[in-house]
Amino acid sequence: MSAVFIIGKSNETGLPLHVRNAKNGLACNCICYQCEQKLEAVQGQRDWYFRHSDKSTCIGNNETALHQFAKFLLYQNRYVNSKKKTINYTEPVLETVIDKYRSDVSATYNNEELHFEIVVHHDLTTDKKLHYRSNKINCIRIDLSDPLLLSAQPDQIKYAVLQDKENKSFIQWNEDKVYIEEVSNSDNHNWLIAGLIFLGSIFLFRKSLFGQYKRRSRFRR
């Protein structure tokens, strides 16, 4: 028996379709992401899933299907939550080429380039991370490696992709640099004030000593 899974590829739109949002049976008009053969939606009283409509040894590819569904959610929406803030982006584009690499979704944030990398099974390579960092390209990593997501409801996957703050990390975030520069400038400003106060204290101290010396000299006469 071939494997069962929750996300297929719609023949009508070419986009990922969750079994909960599909029509029943062959009316779902979906194919498998792995073998591209016809699927049917089984929507029982308890279990809902896709299976191959013909006998097949294909085991499907749940990770690829989840990855595609997550990309679609980022494309369809305009925000993600993170530990830093809610990031509102515009102009999402699927699979953007960056030199020799390709990001899952690109967008615009604060007039800068922003890329999303979704991790289900394989993480980003060290070289790809270095490329984002060395070129100062904003990049957010979204971790969807929790195996429970492979059988989750659409709303649960949507929450993980867009709203969950704990599974977001920043490969490169240019606002951090701005913050560091602001702190650095603030520190420099504070050091300057402290230096001026110190010099002023020395001047007043020397003036006080000079005044005492003059008074003593007058008494000696």
N, C-alpha and C. Protein backbone atom coordinates (compact mmCIF):
# COMPACT_ATOMS: atom_id res chain seq x y z
N MET A 1 0.85 -1.20 0.00
CA MET A 1 0.00 0.00 0.00
C MET A 1 0.88 1.24 0.00
N SER A 2 0.52 2.23 -0.81
CA SER A 2 1.31 3.47 -0.84
C SER A 2 1.00 4.31 0.39
N ALA A 3 1.86 5.27 0.62
CA ALA A 3 1.72 6.11 1.81
C ALA A 3 0.54 7.06 1.67
N VAL A 4 0.11 7.59 2.79
CA VAL A 4 -0.94 8.61 2.80
C VAL A 4 -0.34 9.90 3.34
N PHE A 5 -0.90 11.02 2.93
CA PHE A 5 -0.37 12.32 3.35
C PHE A 5 -1.47 13.36 3.26
N ILE A 6 -1.20 14.58 3.74
CA ILE A 6 -2.27 15.57 3.92
C ILE A 6 -2.23 16.69 2.88
N ILE A 7 -1.16 16.78 2.11
CA ILE A 7 -1.03 17.89 1.15
C ILE A 7 -0.72 17.34 -0.23
N GLY A 8 -1.51 17.74 -1.20
CA GLY A 8 -1.26 17.38 -2.59
C GLY A 8 -1.07 18.63 -3.43
N LYS A 9 -0.78 18.44 -4.70
CA LYS A 9 -0.61 19.56 -5.62
C LYS A 9 -1.83 19.67 -6.51
N SER A 10 -2.48 20.84 -6.49
CA SER A 10 -3.68 21.05 -7.28
C SER A 10 -3.36 21.13 -8.76
N ASN A 11 -4.07 20.36 -9.56
CA ASN A 11 -3.91 20.44 -11.01
C ASN A 11 -4.45 21.76 -11.57
N GLU A 12 -5.41 22.34 -10.86
CA GLU A 12 -6.05 23.57 -11.34
C GLU A 12 -5.13 24.78 -11.14
N THR A 13 -4.50 24.88 -9.99
CA THR A 13 -3.72 26.08 -9.66
C THR A 13 -2.22 25.85 -9.66
N GLY A 14 -1.79 24.56 -9.56
CA GLY A 14 -0.38 24.27 -9.41
C GLY A 14 0.14 24.54 -8.01
N LEU A 15 -0.77 24.86 -7.07
CA LEU A 15 -0.39 25.20 -5.70
C LEU A 15 -0.70 24.04 -4.75
N PRO A 16 -0.06 24.02 -3.60
CA PRO A 16 -0.34 22.96 -2.62
C PRO A 16 -1.75 23.10 -2.08
N LEU A 17 -2.38 21.97 -1.84
CA LEU A 17 -3.75 21.96 -1.34
C LEU A 17 -3.85 20.97 -0.18
N HIS A 18 -4.28 21.45 0.97
CA HIS A 18 -4.48 20.59 2.13
C HIS A 18 -5.75 19.77 1.94
N VAL A 19 -5.73 18.54 2.39
CA VAL A 19 -6.87 17.64 2.20
C VAL A 19 -8.14 18.21 2.84
N ARG A 20 -7.99 19.01 3.88
CA ARG A 20 -9.15 19.62 4.55
C ARG A 20 -9.81 20.68 3.68
N ASN A 21 -9.08 21.18 2.70
CA ASN A 21 -9.62 22.21 1.81
C ASN A 21 -9.96 21.66 0.42
N ALA A 22 -9.83 20.34 0.25
CA ALA A 22 -10.04 19.72 -1.07
C ALA A 22 -11.44 19.12 -1.18
N LYS A 23 -11.85 18.87 -2.41
CA LYS A 23 -13.08 18.12 -2.64
C LYS A 23 -12.80 16.64 -2.41
N ASN A 24 -13.85 15.88 -2.15
CA ASN A 24 -13.69 14.47 -1.82
C ASN A 24 -13.39 13.63 -3.07
N GLY A 25 -12.65 12.54 -2.84
CA GLY A 25 -12.38 11.59 -3.90
C GLY A 25 -11.52 12.17 -5.01
N LEU A 26 -11.75 11.70 -6.24
CA LEU A 26 -10.98 12.18 -7.39
C LEU A 26 -11.34 13.61 -7.77
N ALA A 27 -12.45 14.11 -7.22
CA ALA A 27 -12.86 15.49 -7.50
C ALA A 27 -11.85 16.50 -6.93
N CYS A 28 -10.95 16.03 -6.08
CA CYS A 28 -9.92 16.92 -5.53
C CYS A 28 -9.00 17.44 -6.64
N ASN A 29 -8.85 16.63 -7.70
CA ASN A 29 -8.03 17.00 -8.86
C ASN A 29 -6.60 17.37 -8.43
N CYS A 30 -5.98 16.47 -7.67
CA CYS A 30 -4.63 16.70 -7.16
C CYS A 30 -3.68 15.59 -7.62
N ILE A 31 -2.41 15.91 -7.60
CA ILE A 31 -1.37 14.92 -7.91
C ILE A 31 -0.37 14.88 -6.77
N CYS A 32 0.43 13.82 -6.75
CA CYS A 32 1.45 13.60 -5.72
C CYS A 32 2.69 14.45 -6.04
N TYR A 33 3.27 15.06 -5.04
CA TYR A 33 4.48 15.86 -5.24
C TYR A 33 5.68 14.99 -5.61
N GLN A 34 5.64 13.73 -5.22
CA GLN A 34 6.78 12.85 -5.48
C GLN A 34 6.73 12.24 -6.89
N CYS A 35 5.62 11.61 -7.23
CA CYS A 35 5.55 10.89 -8.51
C CYS A 35 4.66 11.57 -9.54
N GLU A 36 3.94 12.61 -9.11
CA GLU A 36 3.05 13.39 -9.98
C GLU A 36 1.91 12.55 -10.57
N GLN A 37 1.54 11.51 -9.83
CA GLN A 37 0.39 10.69 -10.23
C GLN A 37 -0.87 11.16 -9.51
N LYS A 38 -2.02 10.75 -10.05
CA LYS A 38 -3.30 11.23 -9.56
C LYS A 38 -3.56 10.77 -8.11
N LEU A 39 -4.13 11.69 -7.32
CA LEU A 39 -4.50 11.39 -5.94
C LEU A 39 -6.01 11.41 -5.79
N GLU A 40 -6.48 10.77 -4.74
CA GLU A 40 -7.87 10.92 -4.33
C GLU A 40 -7.91 11.30 -2.86
N ALA A 41 -8.87 12.14 -2.52
CA ALA A 41 -9.01 12.59 -1.13
C ALA A 41 -9.96 11.67 -0.39
N VAL A 42 -9.46 11.11 0.70
CA VAL A 42 -10.29 10.25 1.56
C VAL A 42 -10.71 11.09 2.75
N GLN A 43 -12.00 11.34 2.85
CA GLN A 43 -12.50 12.23 3.91
C GLN A 43 -13.55 11.48 4.72
N GLY A 44 -13.06 10.72 5.70
CA GLY A 44 -13.94 9.90 6.53
C GLY A 44 -14.44 10.66 7.74
N GLN A 45 -15.07 9.93 8.64
CA GLN A 45 -15.58 10.56 9.86
C GLN A 45 -14.44 10.96 10.79
N ARG A 46 -13.35 10.22 10.72
CA ARG A 46 -12.23 10.52 11.63
C ARG A 46 -10.99 10.94 10.87
N ASP A 47 -10.54 10.16 9.91
CA ASP A 47 -9.28 10.44 9.21
C ASP A 47 -9.52 11.07 7.85
N TRP A 48 -8.73 12.08 7.55
CA TRP A 48 -8.74 12.73 6.25
C TRP A 48 -7.32 12.68 5.69
N TYR A 49 -7.20 12.18 4.45
CA TYR A 49 -5.85 12.11 3.86
C TYR A 49 -5.96 11.91 2.35
N PHE A 50 -4.84 12.13 1.68
CA PHE A 50 -4.73 11.82 0.25
C PHE A 50 -4.09 10.44 0.11
N ARG A 51 -4.45 9.74 -0.95
CA ARG A 51 -3.76 8.51 -1.33
C ARG A 51 -3.73 8.44 -2.85
N HIS A 52 -2.86 7.64 -3.39
CA HIS A 52 -2.79 7.47 -4.84
C HIS A 52 -4.06 6.76 -5.32
N SER A 53 -4.58 7.23 -6.42
CA SER A 53 -5.84 6.66 -6.92
C SER A 53 -5.64 5.27 -7.53
N ASP A 54 -4.44 5.00 -8.03
CA ASP A 54 -4.10 3.68 -8.58
C ASP A 54 -3.10 3.00 -7.67
N LYS A 55 -2.96 1.71 -7.81
CA LYS A 55 -1.97 1.00 -7.02
C LYS A 55 -0.59 1.58 -7.29
N SER A 56 0.11 1.89 -6.23
CA SER A 56 1.40 2.54 -6.39
C SER A 56 2.30 2.18 -5.22
N THR A 57 3.58 2.11 -5.50
CA THR A 57 4.57 1.87 -4.44
C THR A 57 5.17 3.19 -3.97
N CYS A 58 4.69 4.29 -4.52
CA CYS A 58 5.22 5.61 -4.13
C CYS A 58 4.91 5.89 -2.66
N ILE A 59 5.92 6.34 -1.96
CA ILE A 59 5.75 6.65 -0.54
C ILE A 59 5.44 8.13 -0.32
N GLY A 60 5.31 8.87 -1.43
CA GLY A 60 5.00 10.29 -1.30
C GLY A 60 6.19 11.07 -0.75
N ASN A 61 5.98 12.34 -0.52
CA ASN A 61 7.03 13.17 0.07
C ASN A 61 6.37 14.23 0.94
N ASN A 62 6.09 13.85 2.17
CA ASN A 62 5.41 14.76 3.08
C ASN A 62 6.21 16.03 3.34
N GLU A 63 7.55 15.89 3.43
CA GLU A 63 8.38 17.05 3.70
C GLU A 63 8.30 18.07 2.58
N THR A 64 8.38 17.60 1.34
CA THR A 64 8.28 18.50 0.19
C THR A 64 6.92 19.18 0.15
N ALA A 65 5.86 18.40 0.41
CA ALA A 65 4.51 18.95 0.38
C ALA A 65 4.33 20.03 1.46
N LEU A 66 4.83 19.76 2.66
CA LEU A 66 4.74 20.74 3.74
C LEU A 66 5.55 21.99 3.39
N HIS A 67 6.71 21.79 2.82
CA HIS A 67 7.57 22.89 2.41
C HIS A 67 6.85 23.78 1.39
N GLN A 68 6.20 23.16 0.41
CA GLN A 68 5.47 23.91 -0.60
C GLN A 68 4.28 24.66 0.00
N PHE A 69 3.59 24.02 0.93
CA PHE A 69 2.44 24.64 1.58
C PHE A 69 2.88 25.86 2.40
N ALA A 70 4.01 25.74 3.08
CA ALA A 70 4.54 26.86 3.88
C ALA A 70 4.92 28.03 2.99
N LYS A 71 5.54 27.75 1.85
CA LYS A 71 5.90 28.82 0.90
C LYS A 71 4.64 29.55 0.42
N PHE A 72 3.60 28.77 0.14
CA PHE A 72 2.35 29.36 -0.33
C PHE A 72 1.74 30.28 0.73
N LEU A 73 1.81 29.86 2.00
CA LEU A 73 1.28 30.69 3.09
C LEU A 73 2.04 32.01 3.21
N LEU A 74 3.36 31.97 3.05
CA LEU A 74 4.15 33.21 3.09
C LEU A 74 3.82 34.10 1.90
N TYR A 75 3.59 33.47 0.76
CA TYR A 75 3.24 34.22 -0.44
C TYR A 75 1.85 34.85 -0.32
N GLN A 76 0.95 34.13 0.31
CA GLN A 76 -0.44 34.54 0.41
C GLN A 76 -0.64 35.63 1.48
N ASN A 77 0.24 35.68 2.45
CA ASN A 77 0.10 36.61 3.56
C ASN A 77 1.18 37.69 3.51
N ARG A 78 1.18 38.58 4.52
CA ARG A 78 2.09 39.72 4.49
C ARG A 78 2.75 39.99 5.84
N TYR A 79 2.81 38.98 6.70
CA TYR A 79 3.45 39.20 8.00
C TYR A 79 3.95 37.88 8.57
N VAL A 80 4.94 37.99 9.45
CA VAL A 80 5.34 36.87 10.31
C VAL A 80 5.66 37.45 11.69
N ASN A 81 5.40 36.67 12.71
CA ASN A 81 5.79 37.06 14.06
C ASN A 81 7.17 36.51 14.37
N SER A 82 7.94 37.23 15.16
CA SER A 82 9.24 36.76 15.61
C SER A 82 9.46 37.26 17.02
N LYS A 83 10.53 36.81 17.66
CA LYS A 83 10.85 37.26 19.00
C LYS A 83 11.21 38.74 19.02
N LYS A 84 11.69 39.25 17.89
CA LYS A 84 12.04 40.67 17.82
C LYS A 84 10.80 41.55 17.68
N LYS A 85 9.92 41.19 16.74
CA LYS A 85 8.76 42.02 16.42
C LYS A 85 7.88 41.29 15.40
N THR A 86 6.73 41.87 15.11
CA THR A 86 5.93 41.42 13.97
C THR A 86 6.49 42.11 12.73
N ILE A 87 6.84 41.30 11.73
CA ILE A 87 7.49 41.83 10.53
C ILE A 87 6.46 41.86 9.41
N ASN A 88 6.10 43.06 8.99
CA ASN A 88 5.16 43.25 7.90
C ASN A 88 5.93 43.46 6.61
N TYR A 89 5.71 42.59 5.64
CA TYR A 89 6.44 42.66 4.39
C TYR A 89 5.49 42.85 3.21
N THR A 90 6.04 43.19 2.07
CA THR A 90 5.24 43.39 0.85
C THR A 90 5.90 42.67 -0.32
N GLU A 91 5.18 42.59 -1.41
CA GLU A 91 5.68 42.07 -2.69
C GLU A 91 6.36 40.70 -2.58
N PRO A 92 5.69 39.70 -1.97
CA PRO A 92 6.31 38.37 -1.89
C PRO A 92 6.44 37.70 -3.25
N VAL A 93 7.55 37.00 -3.44
CA VAL A 93 7.84 36.29 -4.68
C VAL A 93 8.34 34.90 -4.33
N LEU A 94 7.84 33.88 -5.01
CA LEU A 94 8.27 32.51 -4.75
C LEU A 94 9.60 32.21 -5.45
N GLU A 95 10.49 31.56 -4.72
CA GLU A 95 11.74 31.02 -5.27
C GLU A 95 12.53 32.05 -6.08
N THR A 96 13.18 32.93 -5.34
CA THR A 96 13.99 33.98 -5.97
C THR A 96 15.45 33.54 -6.02
N VAL A 97 16.07 33.75 -7.18
CA VAL A 97 17.49 33.41 -7.36
C VAL A 97 18.35 34.52 -6.77
N ILE A 98 19.32 34.14 -5.92
CA ILE A 98 20.30 35.08 -5.37
C ILE A 98 21.68 34.54 -5.74
N ASP A 99 22.26 35.09 -6.78
CA ASP A 99 23.54 34.58 -7.28
C ASP A 99 23.42 33.09 -7.59
N LYS A 100 24.19 32.26 -6.88
CA LYS A 100 24.14 30.82 -7.16
C LYS A 100 23.14 30.09 -6.25
N TYR A 101 22.40 30.85 -5.43
CA TYR A 101 21.45 30.24 -4.51
C TYR A 101 20.02 30.61 -4.89
N ARG A 102 19.08 29.97 -4.20
CA ARG A 102 17.66 30.25 -4.41
C ARG A 102 16.97 30.27 -3.05
N SER A 103 16.23 31.33 -2.77
CA SER A 103 15.51 31.40 -1.50
C SER A 103 14.09 30.89 -1.71
N ASP A 104 13.43 30.47 -0.63
CA ASP A 104 12.07 29.95 -0.74
C ASP A 104 11.08 31.04 -1.11
N VAL A 105 11.16 32.16 -0.40
CA VAL A 105 10.30 33.31 -0.67
C VAL A 105 11.11 34.58 -0.45
N SER A 106 10.97 35.54 -1.34
CA SER A 106 11.59 36.84 -1.13
C SER A 106 10.48 37.88 -1.00
N ALA A 107 10.81 39.01 -0.37
CA ALA A 107 9.82 40.08 -0.18
C ALA A 107 10.57 41.38 0.05
N THR A 108 9.81 42.43 0.29
CA THR A 108 10.39 43.73 0.61
C THR A 108 10.01 44.11 2.02
N TYR A 109 11.00 44.56 2.80
CA TYR A 109 10.76 45.00 4.16
C TYR A 109 11.56 46.27 4.40
N ASN A 110 10.87 47.35 4.76
CA ASN A 110 11.53 48.65 5.00
C ASN A 110 12.46 49.04 3.83
N ASN A 111 11.94 48.84 2.63
CA ASN A 111 12.70 49.19 1.40
C ASN A 111 13.96 48.35 1.21
N GLU A 112 14.05 47.23 1.93
CA GLU A 112 15.20 46.33 1.77
C GLU A 112 14.72 44.95 1.34
N GLU A 113 15.64 44.20 0.80
CA GLU A 113 15.38 42.82 0.37
C GLU A 113 15.24 41.93 1.62
N LEU A 114 14.24 41.07 1.61
CA LEU A 114 14.03 40.12 2.71
C LEU A 114 13.77 38.75 2.12
N HIS A 115 14.45 37.74 2.67
CA HIS A 115 14.26 36.36 2.18
C HIS A 115 13.85 35.45 3.33
N PHE A 116 13.00 34.48 3.00
CA PHE A 116 12.57 33.47 3.96
C PHE A 116 13.14 32.12 3.53
N GLU A 117 13.68 31.40 4.48
CA GLU A 117 14.17 30.04 4.25
C GLU A 117 13.41 29.10 5.19
N ILE A 118 12.73 28.12 4.59
CA ILE A 118 11.91 27.18 5.37
C ILE A 118 12.67 25.87 5.52
N VAL A 119 12.78 25.43 6.76
CA VAL A 119 13.51 24.19 7.06
C VAL A 119 12.52 23.13 7.53
N VAL A 120 12.37 22.07 6.75
CA VAL A 120 11.54 20.94 7.13
C VAL A 120 12.41 19.73 7.43
N HIS A 121 13.29 19.43 6.51
CA HIS A 121 14.18 18.27 6.67
C HIS A 121 15.65 18.66 6.58
N HIS A 122 16.01 19.37 5.52
CA HIS A 122 17.40 19.79 5.32
C HIS A 122 17.58 21.25 5.72
N ASP A 123 18.57 21.51 6.55
CA ASP A 123 18.85 22.88 6.98
C ASP A 123 19.68 23.61 5.93
N LEU A 124 19.82 24.92 6.10
CA LEU A 124 20.65 25.70 5.19
C LEU A 124 22.11 25.27 5.33
N THR A 125 22.85 25.32 4.25
CA THR A 125 24.28 25.04 4.31
C THR A 125 25.00 26.22 4.92
N THR A 126 26.19 25.95 5.43
CA THR A 126 27.01 27.03 6.01
C THR A 126 27.33 28.08 4.96
N ASP A 127 27.62 27.65 3.74
CA ASP A 127 27.94 28.60 2.67
C ASP A 127 26.77 29.53 2.36
N LYS A 128 25.57 28.99 2.38
CA LYS A 128 24.40 29.82 2.09
C LYS A 128 24.17 30.85 3.20
N LYS A 129 24.37 30.44 4.44
CA LYS A 129 24.25 31.38 5.56
C LYS A 129 25.29 32.49 5.45
N LEU A 130 26.51 32.11 5.13
CA LEU A 130 27.58 33.10 4.98
C LEU A 130 27.28 34.07 3.84
N HIS A 131 26.62 33.57 2.79
CA HIS A 131 26.28 34.43 1.66
C HIS A 131 25.32 35.53 2.10
N TYR A 132 24.31 35.15 2.88
CA TYR A 132 23.37 36.15 3.40
C TYR A 132 24.09 37.17 4.28
N ARG A 133 24.95 36.67 5.16
CA ARG A 133 25.61 37.55 6.11
C ARG A 133 26.64 38.47 5.46
N SER A 134 27.47 37.91 4.59
CA SER A 134 28.53 38.71 3.98
C SER A 134 27.97 39.76 3.03
N ASN A 135 26.79 39.49 2.45
CA ASN A 135 26.16 40.45 1.54
C ASN A 135 25.09 41.31 2.22
N LYS A 136 24.98 41.17 3.55
CA LYS A 136 24.04 41.98 4.33
C LYS A 136 22.61 41.89 3.77
N ILE A 137 22.17 40.64 3.52
CA ILE A 137 20.82 40.41 3.00
C ILE A 137 19.95 39.86 4.13
N ASN A 138 18.86 40.56 4.43
CA ASN A 138 17.96 40.10 5.49
C ASN A 138 17.42 38.71 5.18
N CYS A 139 17.51 37.82 6.16
CA CYS A 139 17.02 36.45 5.95
C CYS A 139 16.46 35.89 7.25
N ILE A 140 15.25 35.36 7.17
CA ILE A 140 14.59 34.74 8.32
C ILE A 140 14.46 33.24 8.05
N ARG A 141 14.89 32.45 9.01
CA ARG A 141 14.77 30.99 8.93
C ARG A 141 13.55 30.55 9.72
N ILE A 142 12.69 29.73 9.09
CA ILE A 142 11.48 29.22 9.75
C ILE A 142 11.61 27.71 9.89
N ASP A 143 11.64 27.24 11.12
CA ASP A 143 11.87 25.82 11.41
C ASP A 143 10.54 25.07 11.49
N LEU A 144 10.30 24.21 10.52
CA LEU A 144 9.08 23.38 10.50
C LEU A 144 9.44 21.90 10.59
N SER A 145 10.51 21.61 11.31
CA SER A 145 10.99 20.23 11.39
C SER A 145 10.21 19.36 12.39
N ASP A 146 9.29 19.95 13.13
CA ASP A 146 8.47 19.17 14.06
C ASP A 146 7.65 18.15 13.27
N PRO A 147 7.83 16.85 13.50
CA PRO A 147 7.12 15.82 12.71
C PRO A 147 5.60 15.89 12.85
N LEU A 148 5.11 16.50 13.91
CA LEU A 148 3.66 16.62 14.08
C LEU A 148 3.03 17.48 12.98
N LEU A 149 3.83 18.37 12.40
CA LEU A 149 3.31 19.23 11.34
C LEU A 149 2.99 18.45 10.06
N LEU A 150 3.56 17.26 9.93
CA LEU A 150 3.32 16.45 8.73
C LEU A 150 1.90 15.87 8.69
N SER A 151 1.20 15.96 9.81
CA SER A 151 -0.18 15.49 9.85
C SER A 151 -1.10 16.53 10.50
N ALA A 152 -0.67 17.79 10.47
CA ALA A 152 -1.40 18.85 11.18
C ALA A 152 -2.54 19.41 10.34
N GLN A 153 -3.45 20.10 11.03
CA GLN A 153 -4.55 20.79 10.37
C GLN A 153 -4.01 22.05 9.67
N PRO A 154 -4.73 22.59 8.68
CA PRO A 154 -4.27 23.79 7.99
C PRO A 154 -3.99 24.96 8.93
N ASP A 155 -4.86 25.18 9.91
CA ASP A 155 -4.67 26.30 10.83
C ASP A 155 -3.43 26.11 11.70
N GLN A 156 -3.13 24.86 12.04
CA GLN A 156 -1.93 24.59 12.84
C GLN A 156 -0.66 24.88 12.04
N ILE A 157 -0.67 24.52 10.77
CA ILE A 157 0.49 24.81 9.91
C ILE A 157 0.62 26.32 9.71
N LYS A 158 -0.51 26.97 9.49
CA LYS A 158 -0.50 28.43 9.30
C LYS A 158 0.05 29.12 10.54
N TYR A 159 -0.35 28.65 11.72
CA TYR A 159 0.17 29.23 12.96
C TYR A 159 1.68 29.05 13.04
N ALA A 160 2.17 27.86 12.70
CA ALA A 160 3.61 27.60 12.77
C ALA A 160 4.39 28.49 11.81
N VAL A 161 3.84 28.71 10.62
CA VAL A 161 4.55 29.50 9.61
C VAL A 161 4.52 30.99 9.93
N LEU A 162 3.37 31.49 10.32
CA LEU A 162 3.20 32.94 10.46
C LEU A 162 3.26 33.47 11.89
N GLN A 163 2.67 32.75 12.82
CA GLN A 163 2.46 33.33 14.14
C GLN A 163 3.41 32.85 15.23
N ASP A 164 3.89 31.65 15.13
CA ASP A 164 4.78 31.10 16.16
C ASP A 164 6.09 31.90 16.19
N LYS A 165 6.43 32.43 17.37
CA LYS A 165 7.66 33.23 17.49
C LYS A 165 8.89 32.37 17.77
N GLU A 166 8.65 31.19 18.33
CA GLU A 166 9.77 30.38 18.80
C GLU A 166 10.54 29.70 17.68
N ASN A 167 9.91 29.50 16.53
CA ASN A 167 10.58 28.75 15.45
C ASN A 167 11.21 29.67 14.40
N LYS A 168 11.30 30.96 14.71
CA LYS A 168 11.93 31.92 13.79
C LYS A 168 13.32 32.29 14.30
N SER A 169 14.28 32.28 13.40
CA SER A 169 15.63 32.76 13.73
C SER A 169 16.12 33.63 12.58
N PHE A 170 17.11 34.45 12.87
CA PHE A 170 17.59 35.43 11.88
C PHE A 170 18.98 35.04 11.41
N ILE A 171 19.06 34.66 10.14
CA ILE A 171 20.37 34.39 9.55
C ILE A 171 21.13 35.70 9.40
N GLN A 172 20.44 36.74 8.96
CA GLN A 172 20.98 38.08 8.86
C GLN A 172 19.84 39.07 9.07
N TRP A 173 20.08 40.08 9.89
CA TRP A 173 19.05 41.09 10.14
C TRP A 173 19.74 42.43 10.29
N ASN A 174 19.58 43.27 9.28
CA ASN A 174 20.33 44.52 9.21
C ASN A 174 19.95 45.51 10.30
N GLU A 175 18.75 45.38 10.85
CA GLU A 175 18.35 46.28 11.93
C GLU A 175 19.20 46.06 13.17
N ASP A 176 19.74 44.86 13.34
CA ASP A 176 20.63 44.61 14.47
C ASP A 176 21.87 45.48 14.38
N LYS A 177 22.40 45.65 13.17
CA LYS A 177 23.59 46.48 12.96
C LYS A 177 23.28 47.93 13.29
N VAL A 178 22.08 48.38 12.85
CA VAL A 178 21.69 49.76 13.15
C VAL A 178 21.62 49.95 14.64
N TYR A 179 21.06 48.96 15.34
CA TYR A 179 20.95 49.06 16.79
C TYR A 179 22.32 49.13 17.44
N ILE A 180 23.23 48.27 16.96
CA ILE A 180 24.59 48.27 17.51
C ILE A 180 25.26 49.62 17.29
N GLU A 181 25.05 50.20 16.07
CA GLU A 181 25.64 51.50 15.78
C GLU A 181 25.05 52.58 16.68
N GLU A 182 23.73 52.50 16.92
CA GLU A 182 23.10 53.48 17.77
C GLU A 182 23.63 53.38 19.20
N VAL A 183 23.78 52.13 19.68
CA VAL A 183 24.33 51.94 21.02
C VAL A 183 25.75 52.44 21.08
N SER A 184 26.53 52.13 20.02
CA SER A 184 27.92 52.56 19.97
C SER A 184 28.02 54.08 19.98
N ASN A 185 27.17 54.74 19.17
CA ASN A 185 27.19 56.20 19.12
C ASN A 185 26.76 56.78 20.46
N SER A 186 25.77 56.12 21.08
CA SER A 186 25.33 56.57 22.40
C SER A 186 26.45 56.44 23.42
N ASP A 187 27.17 55.30 23.35
CA ASP A 187 28.30 55.10 24.26
C ASP A 187 29.38 56.15 24.03
N ASN A 188 29.66 56.44 22.74
CA ASN A 188 30.66 57.45 22.44
C ASN A 188 30.25 58.80 22.99
N HIS A 189 28.95 59.09 22.85
CA HIS A 189 28.44 60.36 23.36
C HIS A 189 28.59 60.44 24.87
N ASN A 190 28.27 59.31 25.54
CA ASN A 190 28.41 59.27 27.00
C ASN A 190 29.86 59.42 27.44
N TRP A 191 30.78 58.77 26.68
CA TRP A 191 32.20 58.91 27.00
C TRP A 191 32.66 60.35 26.82
N LEU A 192 32.14 61.03 25.80
CA LEU A 192 32.52 62.42 25.55
C LEU A 192 32.07 63.30 26.70
N ILE A 193 30.83 63.10 27.14
CA ILE A 193 30.33 63.88 28.27
C ILE A 193 31.16 63.61 29.53
N ALA A 194 31.46 62.31 29.76
CA ALA A 194 32.26 61.96 30.94
C ALA A 194 33.64 62.60 30.87
N GLY A 195 34.21 62.61 29.64
CA GLY A 195 35.53 63.22 29.47
C GLY A 195 35.52 64.70 29.75
N LEU A 196 34.48 65.38 29.26
CA LEU A 196 34.37 66.83 29.50
C LEU A 196 34.19 67.13 30.99
N ILE A 197 33.38 66.31 31.64
CA ILE A 197 33.19 66.50 33.09
C ILE A 197 34.50 66.30 33.83
N PHE A 198 35.26 65.27 33.41
CA PHE A 198 36.55 65.00 34.06
C PHE A 198 37.52 66.17 33.87
N LEU A 199 37.60 66.69 32.64
CA LEU A 199 38.49 67.82 32.38
C LEU A 199 38.04 69.06 33.15
N GLY A 200 36.72 69.25 33.22
CA GLY A 200 36.21 70.38 33.99
C GLY A 200 36.57 70.27 35.46
N SER A 201 36.50 69.02 35.97
CA SER A 201 36.84 68.81 37.38
C SER A 201 38.30 69.13 37.64
N ILE A 202 39.18 68.72 36.71
CA ILE A 202 40.62 69.02 36.86
C ILE A 202 40.85 70.52 36.83
N PHE A 203 40.15 71.22 35.90
CA PHE A 203 40.31 72.67 35.80
C PHE A 203 39.90 73.36 37.09
N LEU A 204 38.74 72.96 37.64
CA LEU A 204 38.26 73.57 38.89
C LEU A 204 39.19 73.25 40.06
N PHE A 205 39.71 72.01 40.05
CA PHE A 205 40.63 71.61 41.12
C PHE A 205 41.91 72.43 41.09
N ARG A 206 42.46 72.61 39.87
CA ARG A 206 43.69 73.40 39.72
C ARG A 206 43.43 74.86 40.06
N LYS A 207 42.26 75.37 39.68
CA LYS A 207 41.91 76.75 39.99
C LYS A 207 41.81 76.95 41.49
N SER A 208 41.24 75.95 42.17
CA SER A 208 41.12 76.02 43.63
C SER A 208 42.49 76.01 44.29
N LEU A 209 43.37 75.13 43.78
CA LEU A 209 44.74 75.08 44.34
C LEU A 209 45.47 76.39 44.11
N PHE A 210 45.31 76.96 42.91
CA PHE A 210 45.97 78.21 42.59
C PHE A 210 45.48 79.34 43.50
N GLY A 211 44.15 79.32 43.80
CA GLY A 211 43.59 80.34 44.69
C GLY A 211 44.15 80.21 46.09
N GLN A 212 44.28 78.96 46.58
CA GLN A 212 44.86 78.75 47.91
C GLN A 212 46.32 79.22 47.95
N TYR A 213 47.07 78.96 46.86
CA TYR A 213 48.48 79.35 46.79
C TYR A 213 48.60 80.88 46.86
N LYS A 214 47.72 81.61 46.16
CA LYS A 214 47.77 83.06 46.16
C LYS A 214 47.47 83.62 47.54
N ARG A 215 46.49 83.00 48.24
CA ARG A 215 46.15 83.48 49.58
C ARG A 215 47.31 83.27 50.53
N ARG A 216 47.95 82.08 50.44
CA ARG A 216 49.09 81.81 51.30
C ARG A 216 50.24 82.77 51.02
N SER A 217 50.47 83.06 49.77
CA SER A 217 51.56 83.98 49.39
C SER A 217 51.30 85.38 49.96
N ARG A 218 50.06 85.83 49.98
CA ARG A 218 49.72 87.14 50.50
C ARG A 218 49.96 87.22 52.00
N PHE A 219 49.62 86.11 52.68
CA PHE A 219 49.84 86.09 54.14
C PHE A 219 51.32 86.15 54.48
N ARG A 220 52.14 85.49 53.66
CA ARG A 220 53.58 85.45 53.94
C ARG A 220 54.21 86.84 53.82
N ARG A 221 53.69 87.67 52.99
CA ARG A 221 54.21 89.01 52.86
C ARG A 221 53.91 89.83 54.11
